[in-house]
């Protein structure tokens, strides 16, 4: 049985909107996929600033942004459909853009109204994948482990290097997943202060000196001692990380934080005795970070082809939309900590 879906993903690092059109096939309870078209649409400076500033908006302004961003997503998706002459399309699955994520307070907010997307595309839209899990006592994250389990089952673990690093792995017959540490949400911001959108290949970090006193402070965060499932959000960055790194030179901070990310990631790989790990996300292109991770672990590092590196999350949200349309579980409680596995997402 074949299903055709588009996945939309906007990450915390604000690299742009990822759009992935894929075909999913189920044969004898085994799922396979083909990425048919994919594209990243960089945000204009106005949109990047609007999304970055969303956390500071009044309730009225945020409601307007939620609607405006939904129409933006719908418009861009409609253009993508026309450009690629897409005929077969069962649904559009949209992650939205995270503004607030406070699972301990039982709420999370991803803006981009799915009804606005539908109004621009006239297609079935599934959105708001996280809220139900948070209501059920979960972290609302990470959600991609369902895709790791069903689409990438040949790997011992899957590691995403985005705004935050998160991992999904097999443990005692279940899928365990959690956020590890901040990555691009800090590195990109530091690079921006040096006139670059990101630290290409880690070249800026190479120029800096590691501040070992600061590194020790970063490695002592209580979050790293907590047991999974667990997740990070922008609020944690503001409360815990930013006060520590305000006064340092940017090159040195890049060097120190790159080292910090590598230390935390390698620690998890070794702790769970991961044999091989698939690494995706924008941070995969940071060769300096990848080499540092390799130097600190015995785990075999697997780097896939470009379309998987860049569009795995959008692909999996498309897949989650397919599962939701079939009323099949698309969120794993072993990964998020919710009361039970469930089928999540609002259908429009």
C-alpha atoms as a PDB file:
ATOM      1  CA  UNK A   1       0.000   0.000   0.000  1.00  0.00           C
ATOM      2  CA  UNK A   2       1.417   3.412  -1.001  1.00  0.00           C
ATOM      3  CA  UNK A   3       1.016   6.772   0.726  1.00  0.00           C
ATOM      4  CA  UNK A   4       2.237  10.142  -0.516  1.00  0.00           C
ATOM      5  CA  UNK A   5       2.897  12.921   1.988  1.00  0.00           C
ATOM      6  CA  UNK A   6       4.684  16.235   2.432  1.00  0.00           C
ATOM      7  CA  UNK A   7       6.459  16.991   5.708  1.00  0.00           C
ATOM      8  CA  UNK A   8       7.197  20.545   6.864  1.00  0.00           C
ATOM      9  CA  UNK A   9       9.859  21.208   9.486  1.00  0.00           C
ATOM     10  CA  UNK A  10      11.212  24.399  11.042  1.00  0.00           C
ATOM     11  CA  UNK A  11      13.936  23.880  13.635  1.00  0.00           C
ATOM     12  CA  UNK A  12      15.092  25.977  16.558  1.00  0.00           C
ATOM     13  CA  UNK A  13      18.246  26.981  14.673  1.00  0.00           C
ATOM     14  CA  UNK A  14      16.059  28.899  12.147  1.00  0.00           C
ATOM     15  CA  UNK A  15      18.006  27.624   9.134  1.00  0.00           C
ATOM     16  CA  UNK A  16      14.802  27.765   7.091  1.00  0.00           C
ATOM     17  CA  UNK A  17      11.737  25.740   6.190  1.00  0.00           C
ATOM     18  CA  UNK A  18      12.441  22.131   5.215  1.00  0.00           C
ATOM     19  CA  UNK A  19       9.918  20.610   2.791  1.00  0.00           C
ATOM     20  CA  UNK A  20      10.035  16.900   1.994  1.00  0.00           C
ATOM     21  CA  UNK A  21       7.740  15.029  -0.390  1.00  0.00           C
ATOM     22  CA  UNK A  22       7.959  11.276   0.060  1.00  0.00           C
ATOM     23  CA  UNK A  23       6.331   7.997  -0.848  1.00  0.00           C
ATOM     24  CA  UNK A  24       5.777   5.472   1.945  1.00  0.00           C
ATOM     25  CA  UNK A  25       5.110   1.809   1.257  1.00  0.00           C
ATOM     26  CA  UNK A  26       3.973  -0.821   3.717  1.00  0.00           C
ATOM     27  CA  UNK A  27       4.597  -4.467   2.823  1.00  0.00           C
ATOM     28  CA  UNK A  28       4.085  -7.277   5.337  1.00  0.00           C
ATOM     29  CA  UNK A  29       4.138  -4.762   8.219  1.00  0.00           C
ATOM     30  CA  UNK A  30       7.495  -3.357   7.050  1.00  0.00           C
ATOM     31  CA  UNK A  31       7.661   0.325   6.062  1.00  0.00           C
ATOM     32  CA  UNK A  32       9.916   1.711   3.332  1.00  0.00           C
ATOM     33  CA  UNK A  33      10.285   5.216   1.940  1.00  0.00           C
ATOM     34  CA  UNK A  34      11.473   7.143  -1.097  1.00  0.00           C
ATOM     35  CA  UNK A  35      12.224  10.864  -0.938  1.00  0.00           C
ATOM     36  CA  UNK A  36      10.806  12.211  -4.200  1.00  0.00           C
ATOM     37  CA  UNK A  37      11.438  15.961  -3.810  1.00  0.00           C
ATOM     38  CA  UNK A  38      12.943  18.071  -1.055  1.00  0.00           C
ATOM     39  CA  UNK A  39      13.961  21.660  -0.567  1.00  0.00           C
ATOM     40  CA  UNK A  40      15.031  24.090   2.138  1.00  0.00           C
ATOM     41  CA  UNK A  41      13.620  27.587   1.871  1.00  0.00           C
ATOM     42  CA  UNK A  42      15.756  30.069   3.822  1.00  0.00           C
ATOM     43  CA  UNK A  43      13.749  32.548   5.856  1.00  0.00           C
ATOM     44  CA  UNK A  44      13.847  36.189   4.864  1.00  0.00           C
ATOM     45  CA  UNK A  45      15.461  38.402   7.486  1.00  0.00           C
ATOM     46  CA  UNK A  46      11.975  39.615   8.465  1.00  0.00           C
ATOM     47  CA  UNK A  47      10.618  36.101   8.973  1.00  0.00           C
ATOM     48  CA  UNK A  48      13.724  34.973  10.818  1.00  0.00           C
ATOM     49  CA  UNK A  49      13.443  37.939  13.157  1.00  0.00           C
ATOM     50  CA  UNK A  50       9.693  37.407  13.662  1.00  0.00           C
ATOM     51  CA  UNK A  51      10.153  33.769  14.622  1.00  0.00           C
ATOM     52  CA  UNK A  52      13.185  34.501  16.785  1.00  0.00           C
ATOM     53  CA  UNK A  53      11.243  37.225  18.645  1.00  0.00           C
ATOM     54  CA  UNK A  54       8.009  35.200  18.980  1.00  0.00           C
ATOM     55  CA  UNK A  55       8.747  34.300  22.598  1.00  0.00           C
ATOM     56  CA  UNK A  56       8.574  38.003  23.526  1.00  0.00           C
ATOM     57  CA  UNK A  57       5.233  38.805  21.860  1.00  0.00           C
ATOM     58  CA  UNK A  58       1.972  39.718  23.542  1.00  0.00           C
ATOM     59  CA  UNK A  59      -0.872  37.190  23.335  1.00  0.00           C
ATOM     60  CA  UNK A  60      -2.558  39.130  20.512  1.00  0.00           C
ATOM     61  CA  UNK A  61       0.668  39.467  18.543  1.00  0.00           C
ATOM     62  CA  UNK A  62       1.415  35.754  18.982  1.00  0.00           C
ATOM     63  CA  UNK A  63      -2.051  34.760  17.782  1.00  0.00           C
ATOM     64  CA  UNK A  64      -1.557  36.908  14.694  1.00  0.00           C
ATOM     65  CA  UNK A  65       1.875  35.373  14.049  1.00  0.00           C
ATOM     66  CA  UNK A  66       0.379  31.885  14.424  1.00  0.00           C
ATOM     67  CA  UNK A  67      -2.117  32.708  11.666  1.00  0.00           C
ATOM     68  CA  UNK A  68       0.346  34.608   9.453  1.00  0.00           C
ATOM     69  CA  UNK A  69       2.921  31.815   9.688  1.00  0.00           C
ATOM     70  CA  UNK A  70       0.250  29.243   8.793  1.00  0.00           C
ATOM     71  CA  UNK A  71      -0.558  31.183   5.617  1.00  0.00           C
ATOM     72  CA  UNK A  72       3.186  31.465   4.920  1.00  0.00           C
ATOM     73  CA  UNK A  73       3.606  27.676   5.252  1.00  0.00           C
ATOM     74  CA  UNK A  74       0.566  27.073   3.079  1.00  0.00           C
ATOM     75  CA  UNK A  75       1.785  29.459   0.399  1.00  0.00           C
ATOM     76  CA  UNK A  76       5.285  27.966   0.264  1.00  0.00           C
ATOM     77  CA  UNK A  77       3.882  24.429   0.193  1.00  0.00           C
ATOM     78  CA  UNK A  78       1.502  25.331  -2.628  1.00  0.00           C
ATOM     79  CA  UNK A  79       4.434  26.763  -4.606  1.00  0.00           C
ATOM     80  CA  UNK A  80       6.449  23.575  -3.912  1.00  0.00           C
ATOM     81  CA  UNK A  81       3.564  21.399  -5.168  1.00  0.00           C
ATOM     82  CA  UNK A  82       3.240  23.443  -8.377  1.00  0.00           C
ATOM     83  CA  UNK A  83       6.971  23.665  -9.006  1.00  0.00           C
ATOM     84  CA  UNK A  84       7.437  19.893  -8.713  1.00  0.00           C
ATOM     85  CA  UNK A  85       4.180  19.077 -10.544  1.00  0.00           C
ATOM     86  CA  UNK A  86       3.005  16.928  -7.629  1.00  0.00           C
ATOM     87  CA  UNK A  87      -0.216  15.066  -8.385  1.00  0.00           C
ATOM     88  CA  UNK A  88      -0.273  12.217  -5.860  1.00  0.00           C
ATOM     89  CA  UNK A  89      -0.578  13.734  -2.381  1.00  0.00           C
ATOM     90  CA  UNK A  90      -2.561  12.251   0.495  1.00  0.00           C
ATOM     91  CA  UNK A  91      -1.658  14.790   3.172  1.00  0.00           C
ATOM     92  CA  UNK A  92       0.615  17.539   4.460  1.00  0.00           C
ATOM     93  CA  UNK A  93       2.137  17.100   7.929  1.00  0.00           C
ATOM     94  CA  UNK A  94       3.455  20.249   9.584  1.00  0.00           C
ATOM     95  CA  UNK A  95       5.633  20.417  12.676  1.00  0.00           C
ATOM     96  CA  UNK A  96       5.245  24.180  12.973  1.00  0.00           C
ATOM     97  CA  UNK A  97       7.764  26.405  14.742  1.00  0.00           C
ATOM     98  CA  UNK A  98       8.325  25.977  18.475  1.00  0.00           C
ATOM     99  CA  UNK A  99       7.857  29.123  20.557  1.00  0.00           C
ATOM    100  CA  UNK A 100       7.327  27.678  24.049  1.00  0.00           C
ATOM    101  CA  UNK A 101       8.191  24.223  25.312  1.00  0.00           C
ATOM    102  CA  UNK A 102       7.488  23.656  29.016  1.00  0.00           C
ATOM    103  CA  UNK A 103       6.355  20.038  29.458  1.00  0.00           C
ATOM    104  CA  UNK A 104       6.703  20.245  33.249  1.00  0.00           C
ATOM    105  CA  UNK A 105       4.005  22.927  33.134  1.00  0.00           C
ATOM    106  CA  UNK A 106       1.960  20.793  30.719  1.00  0.00           C
ATOM    107  CA  UNK A 107       2.200  23.043  27.673  1.00  0.00           C
ATOM    108  CA  UNK A 108       4.106  23.401  24.433  1.00  0.00           C
ATOM    109  CA  UNK A 109       3.397  25.692  21.471  1.00  0.00           C
ATOM    110  CA  UNK A 110       4.259  25.194  17.823  1.00  0.00           C
ATOM    111  CA  UNK A 111       2.864  28.024  15.711  1.00  0.00           C
ATOM    112  CA  UNK A 112       1.636  27.769  12.106  1.00  0.00           C
ATOM    113  CA  UNK A 113      -2.133  27.221  12.025  1.00  0.00           C
ATOM    114  CA  UNK A 114      -2.900  24.059  10.049  1.00  0.00           C
ATOM    115  CA  UNK A 115      -6.239  25.482   8.927  1.00  0.00           C
ATOM    116  CA  UNK A 116      -4.390  28.296   7.160  1.00  0.00           C
ATOM    117  CA  UNK A 117      -2.141  25.724   5.445  1.00  0.00           C
ATOM    118  CA  UNK A 118      -5.238  23.864   4.249  1.00  0.00           C
ATOM    119  CA  UNK A 119      -6.838  27.065   2.966  1.00  0.00           C
ATOM    120  CA  UNK A 120      -3.801  27.660   0.710  1.00  0.00           C
ATOM    121  CA  UNK A 121      -3.321  24.054  -0.476  1.00  0.00           C
ATOM    122  CA  UNK A 122      -6.785  22.463  -0.318  1.00  0.00           C
ATOM    123  CA  UNK A 123      -5.154  19.295   1.040  1.00  0.00           C
ATOM    124  CA  UNK A 124      -5.616  17.353   4.270  1.00  0.00           C
ATOM    125  CA  UNK A 125      -3.277  18.878   6.869  1.00  0.00           C
ATOM    126  CA  UNK A 126      -2.094  17.270  10.111  1.00  0.00           C
ATOM    127  CA  UNK A 127      -0.403  19.513  12.660  1.00  0.00           C
ATOM    128  CA  UNK A 128       0.235  20.103  16.394  1.00  0.00           C
ATOM    129  CA  UNK A 129       1.951  16.761  16.982  1.00  0.00           C
ATOM    130  CA  UNK A 130       3.388  17.616  20.427  1.00  0.00           C
ATOM    131  CA  UNK A 131       0.575  18.994  22.608  1.00  0.00           C
ATOM    132  CA  UNK A 132      -1.257  15.715  23.172  1.00  0.00           C
ATOM    133  CA  UNK A 133       1.883  14.032  24.462  1.00  0.00           C
ATOM    134  CA  UNK A 134       2.519  16.865  26.931  1.00  0.00           C
ATOM    135  CA  UNK A 135      -1.093  16.613  28.155  1.00  0.00           C
ATOM    136  CA  UNK A 136      -0.457  12.884  28.695  1.00  0.00           C
ATOM    137  CA  UNK A 137       2.492  13.677  30.956  1.00  0.00           C
ATOM    138  CA  UNK A 138       5.193  13.326  28.331  1.00  0.00           C
ATOM    139  CA  UNK A 139       7.973  15.647  27.218  1.00  0.00           C
ATOM    140  CA  UNK A 140       6.379  16.179  23.826  1.00  0.00           C
ATOM    141  CA  UNK A 141       9.820  15.318  22.488  1.00  0.00           C
ATOM    142  CA  UNK A 142      11.561  13.727  20.825  1.00  0.00           C
ATOM    143  CA  UNK A 143       8.947  12.539  18.342  1.00  0.00           C
ATOM    144  CA  UNK A 144      11.147  11.228  15.515  1.00  0.00           C
ATOM    145  CA  UNK A 145      11.942   7.885  17.260  1.00  0.00           C
ATOM    146  CA  UNK A 146       8.848   6.330  15.670  1.00  0.00           C
ATOM    147  CA  UNK A 147      10.502   6.969  12.292  1.00  0.00           C
ATOM    148  CA  UNK A 148      13.871   5.740  13.549  1.00  0.00           C
ATOM    149  CA  UNK A 149      12.218   2.532  14.693  1.00  0.00           C
ATOM    150  CA  UNK A 150      10.216   1.857  11.539  1.00  0.00           C
ATOM    151  CA  UNK A 151      12.252   3.500   8.748  1.00  0.00           C
ATOM    152  CA  UNK A 152      15.888   3.283   9.974  1.00  0.00           C
ATOM    153  CA  UNK A 153      15.839   0.035  11.923  1.00  0.00           C
ATOM    154  CA  UNK A 154      19.272  -1.098  10.614  1.00  0.00           C
ATOM    155  CA  UNK A 155      21.044   1.418  12.875  1.00  0.00           C
ATOM    156  CA  UNK A 156      21.751   0.897  16.564  1.00  0.00           C
ATOM    157  CA  UNK A 157      20.971   4.563  17.173  1.00  0.00           C
ATOM    158  CA  UNK A 158      20.039   7.753  15.315  1.00  0.00           C
ATOM    159  CA  UNK A 159      21.574  11.070  16.370  1.00  0.00           C
ATOM    160  CA  UNK A 160      20.284  14.426  15.177  1.00  0.00           C
ATOM    161  CA  UNK A 161      22.543  17.480  15.347  1.00  0.00           C
ATOM    162  CA  UNK A 162      20.159  20.419  15.059  1.00  0.00           C
ATOM    163  CA  UNK A 163      19.457  23.282  17.419  1.00  0.00           C
ATOM    164  CA  UNK A 164      19.761  20.610  20.089  1.00  0.00           C
ATOM    165  CA  UNK A 165      21.303  17.169  19.755  1.00  0.00           C
ATOM    166  CA  UNK A 166      18.921  14.309  20.383  1.00  0.00           C
ATOM    167  CA  UNK A 167      19.310  10.567  20.151  1.00  0.00           C
ATOM    168  CA  UNK A 168      17.042   7.588  19.615  1.00  0.00           C
ATOM    169  CA  UNK A 169      18.270   4.095  20.457  1.00  0.00           C
ATOM    170  CA  UNK A 170      17.210   0.528  21.115  1.00  0.00           C
ATOM    171  CA  UNK A 171      17.183  -0.484  24.779  1.00  0.00           C
ATOM    172  CA  UNK A 172      15.646  -3.643  26.245  1.00  0.00           C
ATOM    173  CA  UNK A 173      13.262  -4.079  23.339  1.00  0.00           C
ATOM    174  CA  UNK A 174      12.017  -0.477  23.517  1.00  0.00           C
ATOM    175  CA  UNK A 175      12.897   2.780  21.820  1.00  0.00           C
ATOM    176  CA  UNK A 176      14.540   5.195  24.217  1.00  0.00           C
ATOM    177  CA  UNK A 177      15.073   8.782  23.104  1.00  0.00           C
ATOM    178  CA  UNK A 178      16.058  12.093  24.644  1.00  0.00           C
ATOM    179  CA  UNK A 179      17.757  15.423  24.069  1.00  0.00           C
ATOM    180  CA  UNK A 180      21.483  15.379  24.847  1.00  0.00           C
ATOM    181  CA  UNK A 181      22.676  18.992  24.768  1.00  0.00           C
ATOM    182  CA  UNK A 182      22.448  22.279  22.854  1.00  0.00           C
ATOM    183  CA  UNK A 183      24.375  22.441  19.582  1.00  0.00           C
ATOM    184  CA  UNK A 184      23.469  24.821  16.738  1.00  0.00           C
ATOM    185  CA  UNK A 185      21.153  26.964  18.828  1.00  0.00           C
ATOM    186  CA  UNK A 186      24.323  28.205  20.572  1.00  0.00           C
ATOM    187  CA  UNK A 187      26.942  27.739  17.821  1.00  0.00           C
ATOM    188  CA  UNK A 188      24.891  29.618  15.198  1.00  0.00           C
ATOM    189  CA  UNK A 189      24.238  32.499  17.581  1.00  0.00           C
ATOM    190  CA  UNK A 190      27.946  32.792  18.368  1.00  0.00           C
ATOM    191  CA  UNK A 191      28.844  32.644  14.667  1.00  0.00           C
ATOM    192  CA  UNK A 192      26.323  35.417  14.008  1.00  0.00           C
ATOM    193  CA  UNK A 193      28.269  37.681  16.348  1.00  0.00           C
ATOM    194  CA  UNK A 194      31.283  37.110  14.092  1.00  0.00           C
ATOM    195  CA  UNK A 195      29.343  37.989  10.955  1.00  0.00           C
ATOM    196  CA  UNK A 196      28.577  34.413   9.850  1.00  0.00           C
ATOM    197  CA  UNK A 197      25.211  32.620   9.778  1.00  0.00           C
ATOM    198  CA  UNK A 198      26.872  29.429  11.050  1.00  0.00           C
ATOM    199  CA  UNK A 199      30.328  28.051  11.786  1.00  0.00           C
ATOM    200  CA  UNK A 200      31.109  26.440   8.422  1.00  0.00           C
ATOM    201  CA  UNK A 201      33.062  23.210   9.027  1.00  0.00           C
ATOM    202  CA  UNK A 202      33.816  24.479  12.533  1.00  0.00           C
ATOM    203  CA  UNK A 203      36.496  26.790  11.090  1.00  0.00           C
ATOM    204  CA  UNK A 204      35.725  29.577  13.576  1.00  0.00           C
ATOM    205  CA  UNK A 205      35.858  27.201  16.537  1.00  0.00           C
ATOM    206  CA  UNK A 206      39.291  26.022  15.393  1.00  0.00           C
ATOM    207  CA  UNK A 207      40.582  29.583  15.815  1.00  0.00           C
ATOM    208  CA  UNK A 208      39.482  29.776  19.437  1.00  0.00           C
ATOM    209  CA  UNK A 209      40.949  28.505  22.692  1.00  0.00           C
ATOM    210  CA  UNK A 210      38.993  26.144  24.923  1.00  0.00           C
ATOM    211  CA  UNK A 211      38.165  27.673  28.298  1.00  0.00           C
ATOM    212  CA  UNK A 212      38.447  24.572  30.486  1.00  0.00           C
ATOM    213  CA  UNK A 213      36.984  26.274  33.547  1.00  0.00           C
ATOM    214  CA  UNK A 214      33.878  27.219  31.561  1.00  0.00           C
ATOM    215  CA  UNK A 215      33.819  23.757  29.978  1.00  0.00           C
ATOM    216  CA  UNK A 216      33.703  22.191  33.416  1.00  0.00           C
ATOM    217  CA  UNK A 217      30.819  24.462  34.423  1.00  0.00           C
ATOM    218  CA  UNK A 218      28.877  23.544  31.280  1.00  0.00           C
ATOM    219  CA  UNK A 219      29.421  19.838  31.857  1.00  0.00           C
ATOM    220  CA  UNK A 220      28.030  20.125  35.380  1.00  0.00           C
ATOM    221  CA  UNK A 221      24.501  21.071  34.343  1.00  0.00           C
ATOM    222  CA  UNK A 222      21.968  19.082  36.334  1.00  0.00           C
ATOM    223  CA  UNK A 223      20.144  18.122  33.125  1.00  0.00           C
ATOM    224  CA  UNK A 224      23.028  15.851  32.120  1.00  0.00           C
ATOM    225  CA  UNK A 225      22.594  13.754  35.260  1.00  0.00           C
ATOM    226  CA  UNK A 226      18.845  13.320  34.803  1.00  0.00           C
ATOM    227  CA  UNK A 227      17.548  10.048  33.415  1.00  0.00           C
ATOM    228  CA  UNK A 228      15.709   9.815  30.099  1.00  0.00           C
ATOM    229  CA  UNK A 229      13.199  10.622  28.797  1.00  0.00           C
ATOM    230  CA  UNK A 230      14.025  14.322  28.966  1.00  0.00           C
ATOM    231  CA  UNK A 231      13.996  17.312  26.641  1.00  0.00           C
ATOM    232  CA  UNK A 232      15.446  20.806  26.324  1.00  0.00           C
ATOM    233  CA  UNK A 233      13.898  24.098  25.255  1.00  0.00           C
ATOM    234  CA  UNK A 234      14.849  27.714  24.648  1.00  0.00           C
ATOM    235  CA  UNK A 235      13.795  28.573  28.212  1.00  0.00           C
ATOM    236  CA  UNK A 236      16.527  26.276  29.575  1.00  0.00           C
ATOM    237  CA  UNK A 237      19.097  27.982  27.350  1.00  0.00           C
ATOM    238  CA  UNK A 238      18.114  31.409  28.669  1.00  0.00           C
ATOM    239  CA  UNK A 239      18.148  30.326  32.312  1.00  0.00           C
ATOM    240  CA  UNK A 240      21.177  28.035  32.406  1.00  0.00           C
ATOM    241  CA  UNK A 241      23.523  28.639  29.463  1.00  0.00           C
ATOM    242  CA  UNK A 242      23.402  32.293  28.461  1.00  0.00           C
ATOM    243  CA  UNK A 243      24.356  33.672  31.916  1.00  0.00           C
ATOM    244  CA  UNK A 244      27.588  31.637  31.735  1.00  0.00           C
ATOM    245  CA  UNK A 245      28.720  32.759  28.298  1.00  0.00           C
ATOM    246  CA  UNK A 246      27.886  36.462  28.186  1.00  0.00           C
ATOM    247  CA  UNK A 247      31.350  37.921  28.671  1.00  0.00           C
ATOM    248  CA  UNK A 248      33.572  35.574  26.679  1.00  0.00           C
ATOM    249  CA  UNK A 249      35.218  36.126  23.281  1.00  0.00           C
ATOM    250  CA  UNK A 250      33.091  34.504  20.565  1.00  0.00           C
ATOM    251  CA  UNK A 251      35.893  32.383  19.003  1.00  0.00           C
ATOM    252  CA  UNK A 252      36.762  30.964  22.425  1.00  0.00           C
ATOM    253  CA  UNK A 253      33.110  30.312  23.190  1.00  0.00           C
ATOM    254  CA  UNK A 254      32.727  28.477  19.876  1.00  0.00           C
ATOM    255  CA  UNK A 255      35.753  26.327  20.665  1.00  0.00           C
ATOM    256  CA  UNK A 256      34.530  25.650  24.194  1.00  0.00           C
ATOM    257  CA  UNK A 257      30.932  24.905  23.269  1.00  0.00           C
ATOM    258  CA  UNK A 258      31.944  22.661  20.357  1.00  0.00           C
ATOM    259  CA  UNK A 259      34.088  20.703  22.795  1.00  0.00           C
ATOM    260  CA  UNK A 260      31.211  20.624  25.281  1.00  0.00           C
ATOM    261  CA  UNK A 261      28.790  19.227  22.693  1.00  0.00           C
ATOM    262  CA  UNK A 262      31.282  16.560  21.627  1.00  0.00           C
ATOM    263  CA  UNK A 263      31.921  15.539  25.241  1.00  0.00           C
ATOM    264  CA  UNK A 264      28.221  15.147  26.048  1.00  0.00           C
ATOM    265  CA  UNK A 265      27.382  13.295  22.822  1.00  0.00           C
ATOM    266  CA  UNK A 266      30.326  10.882  23.117  1.00  0.00           C
ATOM    267  CA  UNK A 267      29.460  10.238  26.764  1.00  0.00           C
ATOM    268  CA  UNK A 268      25.962   9.092  25.786  1.00  0.00           C
ATOM    269  CA  UNK A 269      27.245   6.914  22.913  1.00  0.00           C
ATOM    270  CA  UNK A 270      29.662   5.135  25.255  1.00  0.00           C
ATOM    271  CA  UNK A 271      27.243   4.908  28.173  1.00  0.00           C
ATOM    272  CA  UNK A 272      24.726   3.010  26.048  1.00  0.00           C
ATOM    273  CA  UNK A 273      27.427   1.022  24.205  1.00  0.00           C
ATOM    274  CA  UNK A 274      26.158   2.104  20.783  1.00  0.00           C
ATOM    275  CA  UNK A 275      27.796   0.062  18.018  1.00  0.00           C
ATOM    276  CA  UNK A 276      26.832   2.264  15.080  1.00  0.00           C
ATOM    277  CA  UNK A 277      25.018   5.580  14.904  1.00  0.00           C
ATOM    278  CA  UNK A 278      23.402   7.420  11.991  1.00  0.00           C
ATOM    279  CA  UNK A 279      24.070  11.169  12.269  1.00  0.00           C
ATOM    280  CA  UNK A 280      21.824  13.711  10.553  1.00  0.00           C
ATOM    281  CA  UNK A 281      20.912  17.388  10.866  1.00  0.00           C
ATOM    282  CA  UNK A 282      22.781  20.567   9.991  1.00  0.00           C
ATOM    283  CA  UNK A 283      25.512  19.900  12.548  1.00  0.00           C
ATOM    284  CA  UNK A 284      26.631  16.914  10.477  1.00  0.00           C
ATOM    285  CA  UNK A 285      28.378  19.394   8.170  1.00  0.00           C
ATOM    286  CA  UNK A 286      30.458  20.717  11.069  1.00  0.00           C
ATOM    287  CA  UNK A 287      33.496  18.544  10.364  1.00  0.00           C
ATOM    288  CA  UNK A 288      35.332  19.858  13.416  1.00  0.00           C
ATOM    289  CA  UNK A 289      32.494  18.743  15.710  1.00  0.00           C
ATOM    290  CA  UNK A 290      32.201  15.344  13.988  1.00  0.00           C
ATOM    291  CA  UNK A 291      35.946  14.704  14.300  1.00  0.00           C
ATOM    292  CA  UNK A 292      35.833  15.620  17.984  1.00  0.00           C
ATOM    293  CA  UNK A 293      32.960  13.175  18.556  1.00  0.00           C
ATOM    294  CA  UNK A 294      34.845  10.428  16.688  1.00  0.00           C
ATOM    295  CA  UNK A 295      37.940  11.014  18.809  1.00  0.00           C
ATOM    296  CA  UNK A 296      35.997  10.560  22.054  1.00  0.00           C
ATOM    297  CA  UNK A 297      34.014   7.373  21.310  1.00  0.00           C
ATOM    298  CA  UNK A 298      34.423   3.868  19.916  1.00  0.00           C
ATOM    299  CA  UNK A 299      31.015   4.031  18.235  1.00  0.00           C
ATOM    300  CA  UNK A 300      31.046   3.707  14.438  1.00  0.00           C
ATOM    301  CA  UNK A 301      29.832   6.997  12.950  1.00  0.00           C
ATOM    302  CA  UNK A 302      27.640   6.707   9.834  1.00  0.00           C
ATOM    303  CA  UNK A 303      27.039   9.812   7.695  1.00  0.00           C
ATOM    304  CA  UNK A 304      24.240   9.232   5.124  1.00  0.00           C
ATOM    305  CA  UNK A 305      23.575  10.933   1.784  1.00  0.00           C
ATOM    306  CA  UNK A 306      22.741  14.635   1.752  1.00  0.00           C
ATOM    307  CA  UNK A 307      18.942  14.313   1.440  1.00  0.00           C
ATOM    308  CA  UNK A 308      18.799  12.162   4.600  1.00  0.00           C
ATOM    309  CA  UNK A 309      21.157  14.493   6.505  1.00  0.00           C
ATOM    310  CA  UNK A 310      19.045  17.529   5.720  1.00  0.00           C
ATOM    311  CA  UNK A 311      15.504  16.176   5.488  1.00  0.00           C
ATOM    312  CA  UNK A 312      15.230  13.246   7.884  1.00  0.00           C
ATOM    313  CA  UNK A 313      13.088  15.191  10.372  1.00  0.00           C
ATOM    314  CA  UNK A 314      10.750  16.547   7.682  1.00  0.00           C
ATOM    315  CA  UNK A 315      10.562  13.021   6.243  1.00  0.00           C
ATOM    316  CA  UNK A 316       9.587  11.563   9.608  1.00  0.00           C
ATOM    317  CA  UNK A 317       6.919  14.194  10.240  1.00  0.00           C
ATOM    318  CA  UNK A 318       5.441  13.283   6.854  1.00  0.00           C
ATOM    319  CA  UNK A 319       5.510   9.657   8.031  1.00  0.00           C
ATOM    320  CA  UNK A 320       3.920  10.597  11.352  1.00  0.00           C
ATOM    321  CA  UNK A 321       1.144  12.246   9.371  1.00  0.00           C
ATOM    322  CA  UNK A 322       0.582   9.009   7.453  1.00  0.00           C
ATOM    323  CA  UNK A 323       0.420   7.014  10.689  1.00  0.00           C
ATOM    324  CA  UNK A 324      -2.002   9.553  12.191  1.00  0.00           C
ATOM    325  CA  UNK A 325      -4.257   9.344   9.128  1.00  0.00           C
ATOM    326  CA  UNK A 326      -4.418   5.574   9.685  1.00  0.00           C
ATOM    327  CA  UNK A 327      -5.017   6.114  13.429  1.00  0.00           C
ATOM    328  CA  UNK A 328      -1.829   4.192  14.196  1.00  0.00           C
ATOM    329  CA  UNK A 329       0.465   5.133  17.084  1.00  0.00           C
ATOM    330  CA  UNK A 330       3.015   7.717  16.022  1.00  0.00           C
ATOM    331  CA  UNK A 331       4.396   8.746  19.428  1.00  0.00           C
ATOM    332  CA  UNK A 332       6.316   6.327  21.649  1.00  0.00           C
ATOM    333  CA  UNK A 333       5.865   6.692  25.399  1.00  0.00           C
ATOM    334  CA  UNK A 334       9.272   5.075  25.959  1.00  0.00           C
ATOM    335  CA  UNK A 335      10.778   8.080  24.165  1.00  0.00           C
ATOM    336  CA  UNK A 336       8.676  10.906  25.591  1.00  0.00           C
ATOM    337  CA  UNK A 337       7.652   9.602  29.016  1.00  0.00           C
ATOM    338  CA  UNK A 338       3.911   9.920  28.366  1.00  0.00           C
ATOM    339  CA  UNK A 339       1.371   7.541  29.881  1.00  0.00           C
ATOM    340  CA  UNK A 340       1.136   5.350  26.779  1.00  0.00           C
ATOM    341  CA  UNK A 341       1.895   5.163  23.054  1.00  0.00           C
ATOM    342  CA  UNK A 342      -0.607   7.217  21.091  1.00  0.00           C
ATOM    343  CA  UNK A 343      -1.653   8.630  17.738  1.00  0.00           C
ATOM    344  CA  UNK A 344      -1.078  12.381  17.831  1.00  0.00           C
ATOM    345  CA  UNK A 345      -1.829  15.343  15.583  1.00  0.00           C
ATOM    346  CA  UNK A 346      -4.835  17.507  14.744  1.00  0.00           C
ATOM    347  CA  UNK A 347      -6.426  16.592  11.408  1.00  0.00           C
ATOM    348  CA  UNK A 348      -7.733  19.403   9.244  1.00  0.00           C
END
